[in-house]
N, C-alpha and C. Protein backbone atom coordinates (compact mmCIF):
# COMPACT_ATOMS: atom_id res chain seq x y z
N UNK A 1 132.05 106.32 237.28
CA UNK A 1 131.23 107.01 237.14
C UNK A 1 130.08 107.54 238.20
N UNK A 2 129.74 108.81 238.10
CA UNK A 2 128.97 109.34 239.27
C UNK A 2 127.47 108.65 239.06
N UNK A 3 126.93 108.15 239.80
CA UNK A 3 125.62 107.99 239.99
C UNK A 3 124.69 109.11 240.03
N UNK A 4 123.85 108.80 239.44
CA UNK A 4 122.69 110.07 238.97
C UNK A 4 121.66 110.33 240.34
N UNK A 5 121.56 109.27 241.11
CA UNK A 5 120.85 109.51 242.51
C UNK A 5 121.81 110.03 243.54
N UNK A 6 123.11 109.96 243.61
CA UNK A 6 123.94 110.61 244.33
C UNK A 6 123.89 112.30 243.94
N UNK A 7 123.75 112.41 242.88
CA UNK A 7 123.83 113.48 242.24
C UNK A 7 122.66 114.55 242.55
N UNK A 8 121.64 113.66 242.15
CA UNK A 8 120.19 114.58 242.42
C UNK A 8 120.38 114.77 244.13
N UNK A 9 120.38 113.81 244.71
CA UNK A 9 120.11 114.05 246.46
C UNK A 9 120.89 115.03 246.69
N UNK A 10 122.25 115.17 246.13
CA UNK A 10 123.41 116.18 246.90
C UNK A 10 122.53 117.43 246.63
N UNK A 11 122.22 117.68 245.06
CA UNK A 11 121.79 119.07 244.86
C UNK A 11 120.53 119.21 245.35
N UNK A 12 119.61 118.23 245.54
CA UNK A 12 118.75 118.92 246.12
C UNK A 12 118.49 118.95 247.76
N UNK A 13 119.56 118.38 248.51
CA UNK A 13 119.80 118.60 250.11
C UNK A 13 120.33 120.17 250.08
N UNK A 14 121.55 120.11 249.19
CA UNK A 14 121.89 121.54 249.26
C UNK A 14 121.23 122.70 248.97
N UNK A 15 120.33 122.74 247.61
CA UNK A 15 119.11 123.54 247.62
C UNK A 15 118.50 123.83 248.88
N UNK A 16 117.99 122.69 249.82
CA UNK A 16 116.72 122.66 250.63
C UNK A 16 117.64 123.53 252.00
N UNK A 17 118.93 123.21 252.11
CA UNK A 17 119.47 123.91 253.13
C UNK A 17 120.00 125.29 252.88
N UNK A 18 120.21 125.57 251.53
CA UNK A 18 120.76 127.26 251.07
C UNK A 18 119.76 127.96 250.62
N UNK A 19 118.81 127.76 250.10
CA UNK A 19 117.68 128.44 249.03
C UNK A 19 116.42 128.59 249.43
N UNK A 20 115.48 127.60 249.59
CA UNK A 20 114.53 127.62 249.84
C UNK A 20 113.82 128.78 250.92
N UNK A 21 114.44 128.79 251.94
CA UNK A 21 114.19 129.79 253.11
C UNK A 21 112.25 129.87 253.48
N UNK A 22 111.89 128.92 253.10
CA UNK A 22 110.53 128.24 253.52
C UNK A 22 109.64 128.74 252.43
N UNK A 23 110.23 128.76 251.14
CA UNK A 23 109.67 128.92 250.01
C UNK A 23 109.12 127.55 249.49
N UNK A 24 108.02 127.16 249.21
CA UNK A 24 107.89 125.74 248.64
C UNK A 24 108.98 125.75 247.06
N UNK A 25 109.29 124.36 246.96
CA UNK A 25 110.24 123.74 245.79
C UNK A 25 109.59 122.59 245.43
N UNK A 26 109.08 122.68 244.23
CA UNK A 26 108.81 121.35 243.32
C UNK A 26 109.80 120.73 242.94
N UNK A 27 109.89 119.36 242.82
CA UNK A 27 111.12 118.62 242.23
C UNK A 27 110.41 117.90 240.99
N UNK A 28 111.05 117.36 239.99
CA UNK A 28 110.33 116.41 239.04
C UNK A 28 109.79 115.08 239.93
N UNK A 29 108.39 115.29 239.24
CA UNK A 29 107.65 113.97 239.89
C UNK A 29 106.70 114.50 240.73
N UNK A 30 107.00 115.59 241.51
CA UNK A 30 106.38 116.12 242.62
C UNK A 30 104.68 116.70 241.89
N UNK A 31 103.64 116.78 242.78
CA UNK A 31 102.62 117.32 242.37
C UNK A 31 102.02 118.32 243.41
N UNK A 32 101.84 119.27 243.13
CA UNK A 32 101.09 120.31 244.13
C UNK A 32 100.49 121.43 243.47
N UNK A 33 99.40 121.84 244.24
CA UNK A 33 98.67 122.93 243.19
C UNK A 33 98.95 124.12 243.62
N UNK A 34 99.20 125.08 242.63
CA UNK A 34 100.18 126.32 242.85
C UNK A 34 99.09 127.47 242.35
N UNK A 35 98.06 127.34 242.34
CA UNK A 35 97.13 128.61 241.80
C UNK A 35 97.03 129.40 243.38
N UNK A 36 97.17 128.66 244.60
CA UNK A 36 97.23 129.61 245.64
C UNK A 36 98.27 130.19 246.32
N UNK A 37 99.51 129.64 245.72
CA UNK A 37 100.70 129.92 246.20
C UNK A 37 101.05 131.46 245.95
N UNK A 38 101.45 132.22 246.55
CA UNK A 38 102.11 133.52 246.20
C UNK A 38 103.53 133.40 245.56
N UNK A 39 104.13 132.16 246.03
CA UNK A 39 105.58 131.92 245.13
C UNK A 39 106.04 130.57 245.42
N UNK A 40 106.78 130.16 244.38
CA UNK A 40 107.54 128.88 244.61
C UNK A 40 108.71 129.04 243.58
N UNK A 41 109.54 127.82 243.93
CA UNK A 41 110.50 127.38 243.13
C UNK A 41 110.32 126.06 242.21
N UNK A 42 110.83 125.71 241.26
CA UNK A 42 110.99 124.55 240.80
C UNK A 42 112.52 123.98 240.47
N UNK A 43 113.08 123.07 240.67
CA UNK A 43 114.78 122.72 240.65
C UNK A 43 114.62 121.51 239.89
N UNK A 44 115.29 121.81 238.60
CA UNK A 44 115.22 120.48 237.70
C UNK A 44 116.66 120.35 237.34
N UNK A 45 117.12 119.01 236.95
CA UNK A 45 118.29 118.69 236.62
C UNK A 45 118.12 118.12 235.29
N UNK A 46 117.85 118.69 234.24
CA UNK A 46 117.12 118.31 233.18
C UNK A 46 117.93 118.00 231.59
N UNK A 47 119.65 117.94 232.16
CA UNK A 47 120.33 117.37 231.15
C UNK A 47 121.65 116.98 231.36
N UNK A 48 122.10 115.68 231.19
CA UNK A 48 123.05 114.75 231.37
C UNK A 48 124.05 114.10 230.45
N UNK A 49 125.15 114.21 230.10
CA UNK A 49 125.74 113.62 229.45
C UNK A 49 127.07 113.27 229.56
N UNK A 50 127.38 112.07 229.27
CA UNK A 50 128.57 111.39 229.91
C UNK A 50 129.85 111.94 229.01
N UNK A 51 130.76 112.25 229.29
CA UNK A 51 132.07 112.58 228.41
C UNK A 51 133.15 111.50 228.31
N UNK A 52 133.44 111.07 227.47
CA UNK A 52 134.69 110.30 227.14
C UNK A 52 135.38 110.01 227.92
N UNK A 53 135.62 108.76 228.57
CA UNK A 53 136.66 108.87 230.00
C UNK A 53 137.97 108.45 229.52
N UNK A 54 138.97 108.71 230.05
CA UNK A 54 140.45 108.24 229.82
C UNK A 54 141.12 107.77 231.10
N UNK A 55 142.02 106.81 230.66
CA UNK A 55 142.94 106.17 232.09
C UNK A 55 143.33 107.54 232.80
N UNK A 56 143.59 108.69 232.62
CA UNK A 56 144.22 109.38 233.27
C UNK A 56 143.26 110.43 233.99
N UNK A 57 141.87 110.66 233.30
CA UNK A 57 141.02 111.52 233.63
C UNK A 57 139.59 110.37 234.45
N UNK A 58 139.43 111.21 235.38
CA UNK A 58 138.31 110.54 236.29
C UNK A 58 137.25 110.75 235.27
N UNK A 59 136.15 110.00 235.74
CA UNK A 59 134.78 109.81 235.34
C UNK A 59 134.01 111.08 235.46
N UNK A 60 133.54 111.51 234.15
CA UNK A 60 133.01 113.02 234.20
C UNK A 60 131.48 112.85 233.73
N UNK A 61 130.59 113.85 234.17
CA UNK A 61 128.95 113.45 233.70
C UNK A 61 128.79 115.23 233.52
N UNK A 62 128.52 115.90 232.35
CA UNK A 62 128.03 117.36 232.15
C UNK A 62 126.56 117.40 232.18
N UNK A 63 126.42 118.67 232.78
CA UNK A 63 124.91 118.44 232.91
C UNK A 63 124.25 120.30 232.99
N UNK A 64 123.07 120.27 233.15
CA UNK A 64 122.57 121.58 233.76
C UNK A 64 121.42 121.49 234.36
N UNK A 65 121.14 122.22 235.49
CA UNK A 65 120.40 122.66 236.40
C UNK A 65 119.61 123.89 236.08
N UNK A 66 118.11 123.70 236.23
CA UNK A 66 117.29 124.64 236.07
C UNK A 66 116.16 124.96 237.15
N UNK A 67 116.30 126.21 237.30
CA UNK A 67 115.71 126.81 238.46
C UNK A 67 114.51 127.88 237.72
N UNK A 68 113.62 127.47 238.24
CA UNK A 68 112.31 128.31 237.88
C UNK A 68 111.93 129.01 239.15
N UNK A 69 111.84 130.18 239.20
CA UNK A 69 111.12 131.19 240.45
C UNK A 69 109.89 131.91 239.64
N UNK A 70 108.81 131.45 240.39
CA UNK A 70 107.32 132.21 240.16
C UNK A 70 106.81 132.87 241.36
N UNK A 71 106.34 133.98 240.91
CA UNK A 71 105.43 134.66 241.98
C UNK A 71 104.15 135.17 241.19
N UNK A 72 103.15 135.29 242.28
CA UNK A 72 101.89 135.77 241.55
C UNK A 72 101.27 137.01 242.57
N UNK A 73 102.55 137.52 243.03
CA UNK A 73 102.06 138.82 244.01
C UNK A 73 101.65 140.11 243.35
N UNK A 74 100.40 140.60 243.36
CA UNK A 74 100.13 141.99 242.83
C UNK A 74 100.77 143.12 243.39
N UNK A 75 101.08 143.00 244.56
CA UNK A 75 101.69 144.40 245.29
C UNK A 75 103.16 144.16 245.32
N UNK A 76 104.07 143.10 244.80
CA UNK A 76 105.56 143.33 244.88
C UNK A 76 105.88 142.77 243.74
N UNK A 77 105.90 143.44 242.49
CA UNK A 77 106.17 142.78 241.23
C UNK A 77 107.76 142.46 241.08
N UNK A 78 108.29 143.09 241.85
CA UNK A 78 109.93 142.66 241.99
C UNK A 78 110.18 141.61 242.94
N UNK A 79 109.62 140.94 243.64
CA UNK A 79 109.88 139.85 244.31
C UNK A 79 110.41 138.51 243.41
N UNK A 80 110.09 138.42 242.39
CA UNK A 80 110.56 137.45 241.52
C UNK A 80 112.00 137.46 241.38
N UNK A 81 112.68 138.63 241.12
CA UNK A 81 114.05 138.99 241.27
C UNK A 81 114.77 138.61 242.84
N UNK A 82 114.03 138.85 243.47
CA UNK A 82 114.41 138.58 244.87
C UNK A 82 114.71 136.74 245.34
N UNK A 83 113.88 136.07 244.51
CA UNK A 83 113.98 134.72 244.53
C UNK A 83 114.85 134.37 243.40
N UNK A 84 115.16 134.96 242.15
CA UNK A 84 116.47 134.59 241.36
C UNK A 84 117.48 134.54 242.18
N UNK A 85 117.74 135.85 242.98
CA UNK A 85 118.76 136.01 243.84
C UNK A 85 119.35 135.18 245.03
N UNK A 86 118.22 134.62 245.44
CA UNK A 86 117.99 133.60 246.48
C UNK A 86 119.00 132.40 245.41
N UNK A 87 118.46 131.88 244.61
CA UNK A 87 119.12 130.93 243.75
C UNK A 87 120.44 131.28 243.39
N UNK A 88 120.81 132.20 242.85
CA UNK A 88 121.60 132.64 242.60
C UNK A 88 122.96 132.43 243.74
N UNK A 89 122.25 132.90 245.03
CA UNK A 89 123.45 132.73 245.91
C UNK A 89 123.90 131.46 246.36
N UNK A 90 122.72 130.52 246.25
CA UNK A 90 122.57 129.10 246.57
C UNK A 90 123.49 128.12 245.62
N UNK A 91 123.48 128.38 244.10
CA UNK A 91 124.04 127.75 243.31
C UNK A 91 125.46 128.41 242.51
N UNK A 92 125.38 129.72 242.49
CA UNK A 92 126.60 130.18 241.79
C UNK A 92 127.88 129.84 242.17
N UNK A 93 128.88 129.43 241.37
CA UNK A 93 130.25 129.16 241.65
C UNK A 93 130.71 128.03 242.77
N UNK A 94 129.79 126.99 242.89
CA UNK A 94 129.48 126.00 244.00
C UNK A 94 130.23 124.96 243.34
N UNK A 95 131.32 124.04 244.43
CA UNK A 95 131.57 122.86 244.37
C UNK A 95 131.13 122.03 245.78
N UNK A 96 130.12 121.19 245.22
CA UNK A 96 129.59 120.19 246.44
C UNK A 96 129.91 118.91 246.21
N UNK A 97 130.45 118.34 247.64
CA UNK A 97 130.69 116.90 247.65
C UNK A 97 129.52 116.28 247.04
N UNK A 98 129.60 115.09 246.19
CA UNK A 98 128.75 114.22 246.46
C UNK A 98 128.59 113.27 247.23
N UNK A 99 127.68 112.85 248.00
CA UNK A 99 127.49 111.92 248.69
C UNK A 99 126.69 110.66 248.67
N UNK A 100 127.08 109.57 248.92
CA UNK A 100 126.49 108.45 248.88
C UNK A 100 125.63 108.37 250.32
N UNK A 101 124.59 108.99 250.60
CA UNK A 101 123.89 108.68 251.63
C UNK A 101 123.27 107.37 252.08
N UNK A 102 123.30 106.39 251.56
CA UNK A 102 122.65 105.26 251.99
C UNK A 102 123.77 104.49 252.60
N UNK A 103 125.12 104.99 252.60
CA UNK A 103 126.51 104.05 253.32
C UNK A 103 126.20 105.15 254.57
N UNK A 104 126.97 104.28 255.63
CA UNK A 104 126.98 104.59 257.08
C UNK A 104 128.20 104.90 257.39
N UNK A 105 129.05 105.89 257.80
CA UNK A 105 128.54 107.34 257.70
C UNK A 105 128.35 107.59 256.04
N UNK A 106 127.49 108.80 255.37
CA UNK A 106 127.86 108.89 253.85
C UNK A 106 129.27 109.00 253.53
N UNK A 107 129.25 108.45 252.38
CA UNK A 107 130.46 108.31 251.87
C UNK A 107 130.44 109.43 250.75
N UNK A 108 131.83 109.85 250.59
CA UNK A 108 131.84 111.08 249.28
C UNK A 108 132.38 110.19 248.05
N UNK A 109 131.44 110.29 247.30
CA UNK A 109 131.70 109.47 245.84
C UNK A 109 132.44 110.53 244.67
N UNK A 110 132.18 111.67 244.93
CA UNK A 110 132.54 112.51 243.79
C UNK A 110 132.45 113.82 244.34
N UNK A 111 132.61 114.83 242.83
CA UNK A 111 131.93 116.47 243.35
C UNK A 111 131.31 117.06 242.05
N UNK A 112 130.69 118.09 242.58
CA UNK A 112 130.02 118.67 241.44
C UNK A 112 130.23 120.29 241.41
N UNK A 113 130.73 120.50 240.28
CA UNK A 113 131.19 122.00 240.16
C UNK A 113 129.96 122.68 239.46
N UNK A 114 129.52 124.05 239.92
CA UNK A 114 128.22 124.76 239.38
C UNK A 114 129.10 126.01 238.90
N UNK A 115 128.58 126.38 237.72
CA UNK A 115 129.16 127.63 236.88
C UNK A 115 127.99 128.67 237.26
N UNK A 116 128.22 129.54 236.11
CA UNK A 116 127.53 131.02 236.43
C UNK A 116 126.18 130.53 235.28
N UNK A 117 125.03 131.35 235.91
CA UNK A 117 123.77 130.89 235.11
C UNK A 117 123.45 132.07 233.90
N UNK A 118 122.53 131.39 233.16
CA UNK A 118 121.82 131.76 232.25
C UNK A 118 120.63 132.36 232.62
N UNK A 119 120.13 133.78 232.62
CA UNK A 119 118.95 134.13 233.25
C UNK A 119 118.14 134.29 232.40
N UNK A 120 116.59 134.02 232.08
CA UNK A 120 115.50 134.49 231.31
C UNK A 120 114.17 134.90 232.12
N UNK A 121 113.61 136.00 231.60
CA UNK A 121 112.15 136.40 232.05
C UNK A 121 111.13 136.02 230.96
N UNK A 122 110.58 135.06 231.55
CA UNK A 122 109.56 134.56 230.95
C UNK A 122 107.95 135.14 231.87
N UNK A 123 108.05 136.00 232.57
CA UNK A 123 106.45 136.45 233.02
C UNK A 123 105.70 136.63 231.88
N UNK A 124 104.35 136.49 232.22
CA UNK A 124 103.14 136.32 231.29
C UNK A 124 101.88 136.65 232.19
N UNK A 125 100.75 137.28 231.52
CA UNK A 125 99.56 137.17 232.10
C UNK A 125 98.97 135.92 232.24
N UNK A 126 98.79 135.40 233.75
CA UNK A 126 98.15 134.34 233.57
C UNK A 126 96.54 134.28 233.48
N UNK A 127 96.30 133.55 232.20
CA UNK A 127 94.75 133.78 231.64
C UNK A 127 93.61 133.07 232.72
N UNK A 128 93.90 131.81 233.31
CA UNK A 128 92.87 131.28 234.33
C UNK A 128 92.75 132.19 235.86
N UNK A 129 93.43 133.14 236.11
CA UNK A 129 93.39 133.66 237.26
C UNK A 129 92.66 135.23 236.95
N UNK A 130 92.29 135.28 235.88
CA UNK A 130 91.77 137.15 235.58
C UNK A 130 92.67 137.83 235.57
N UNK A 131 93.62 137.69 234.73
CA UNK A 131 94.65 138.46 234.11
C UNK A 131 95.69 138.99 235.23
N UNK A 132 95.91 137.77 236.40
CA UNK A 132 97.06 137.73 237.12
C UNK A 132 98.45 137.83 236.32
N UNK A 133 99.12 138.62 236.57
CA UNK A 133 100.60 138.63 236.18
C UNK A 133 101.30 137.31 236.74
N UNK A 134 101.65 136.35 236.26
CA UNK A 134 102.71 135.31 236.64
C UNK A 134 103.92 135.62 236.47
N UNK A 135 104.59 136.01 237.25
CA UNK A 135 106.19 136.59 237.10
C UNK A 135 106.78 135.04 237.24
N UNK A 136 107.90 134.95 236.28
CA UNK A 136 108.58 133.58 235.98
C UNK A 136 110.06 133.96 235.31
N UNK A 137 110.96 133.67 235.89
CA UNK A 137 112.22 133.90 235.64
C UNK A 137 113.25 132.45 235.87
N UNK A 138 113.61 132.11 234.92
CA UNK A 138 114.46 130.78 234.81
C UNK A 138 115.83 130.84 234.66
N UNK A 139 116.72 130.20 235.79
CA UNK A 139 118.03 130.66 235.75
C UNK A 139 118.20 128.92 235.14
N UNK A 140 119.64 129.06 234.56
CA UNK A 140 120.02 127.62 233.94
C UNK A 140 121.56 127.64 234.33
N UNK A 141 121.96 126.71 234.77
CA UNK A 141 123.54 126.86 235.47
C UNK A 141 124.00 125.05 234.51
N UNK A 142 125.40 125.59 234.02
CA UNK A 142 126.15 124.38 233.60
C UNK A 142 126.66 123.64 234.85
N UNK A 143 127.07 122.39 234.90
CA UNK A 143 127.90 121.71 235.83
C UNK A 143 128.66 120.71 235.13
N UNK A 144 129.47 120.20 236.17
CA UNK A 144 130.62 119.32 235.74
C UNK A 144 130.57 118.39 237.29
N UNK A 145 130.43 117.07 236.97
CA UNK A 145 130.35 116.31 237.75
C UNK A 145 131.44 115.08 237.63
N UNK A 146 132.16 114.85 238.54
CA UNK A 146 133.34 114.15 238.58
C UNK A 146 133.54 113.00 239.73
N UNK A 147 133.58 111.98 239.41
CA UNK A 147 133.95 110.85 240.34
C UNK A 147 134.93 111.14 241.20
N UNK A 148 135.03 110.72 242.56
CA UNK A 148 136.22 110.91 242.97
C UNK A 148 137.35 109.46 242.89
N UNK A 149 138.39 110.28 242.55
CA UNK A 149 139.73 109.18 242.20
C UNK A 149 140.41 108.72 243.54
N UNK A 150 140.86 107.43 243.87
CA UNK A 150 142.03 106.95 244.74
C UNK A 150 142.94 107.71 244.57
N UNK A 151 143.70 107.83 245.57
CA UNK A 151 145.12 108.46 245.47
C UNK A 151 145.95 107.07 244.98
N UNK A 152 146.92 107.11 244.33
CA UNK A 152 147.98 106.23 244.17
C UNK A 152 148.48 105.75 245.17
N UNK A 153 148.74 104.43 245.27
CA UNK A 153 149.23 103.87 246.31
C UNK A 153 151.05 104.05 246.34
N UNK A 154 151.53 104.39 247.40
CA UNK A 154 153.16 104.58 247.63
C UNK A 154 153.61 103.11 247.28
N UNK A 155 154.92 103.38 246.60
CA UNK A 155 155.48 102.20 246.11
C UNK A 155 156.76 102.03 246.86
């Protein structure tokens, strides 16, 4: 089976190298005051399900990745769409190697295939900031993670 800690660390590492562009990203369990931030991302792996395994098929884990893009900029209302495009460039149609980073050197233990996102606009007026428009785009990708299978030995 693909260890969820390896999957999470692989996705977070890929995200930090490909998408964040200096824009803060909040991950599950982190706390940060966002009222003074002009923009930020939130990255979640929010659904995982094991699929039945067969002798001839590798272990498989299906799930979803959700990225929330937030902006609070009055003078650049379309900026949230630019953040959504950064997220799409980082994750659309990607195949990432899942690494066990505790091994030296890191060991490939599987791969994850990320598909196309569903995109929703949840923008609203933020009541606590004196009618400040909080732009909020949510992108959700489905993915399949599979354990690396060893090659059959030559006989």
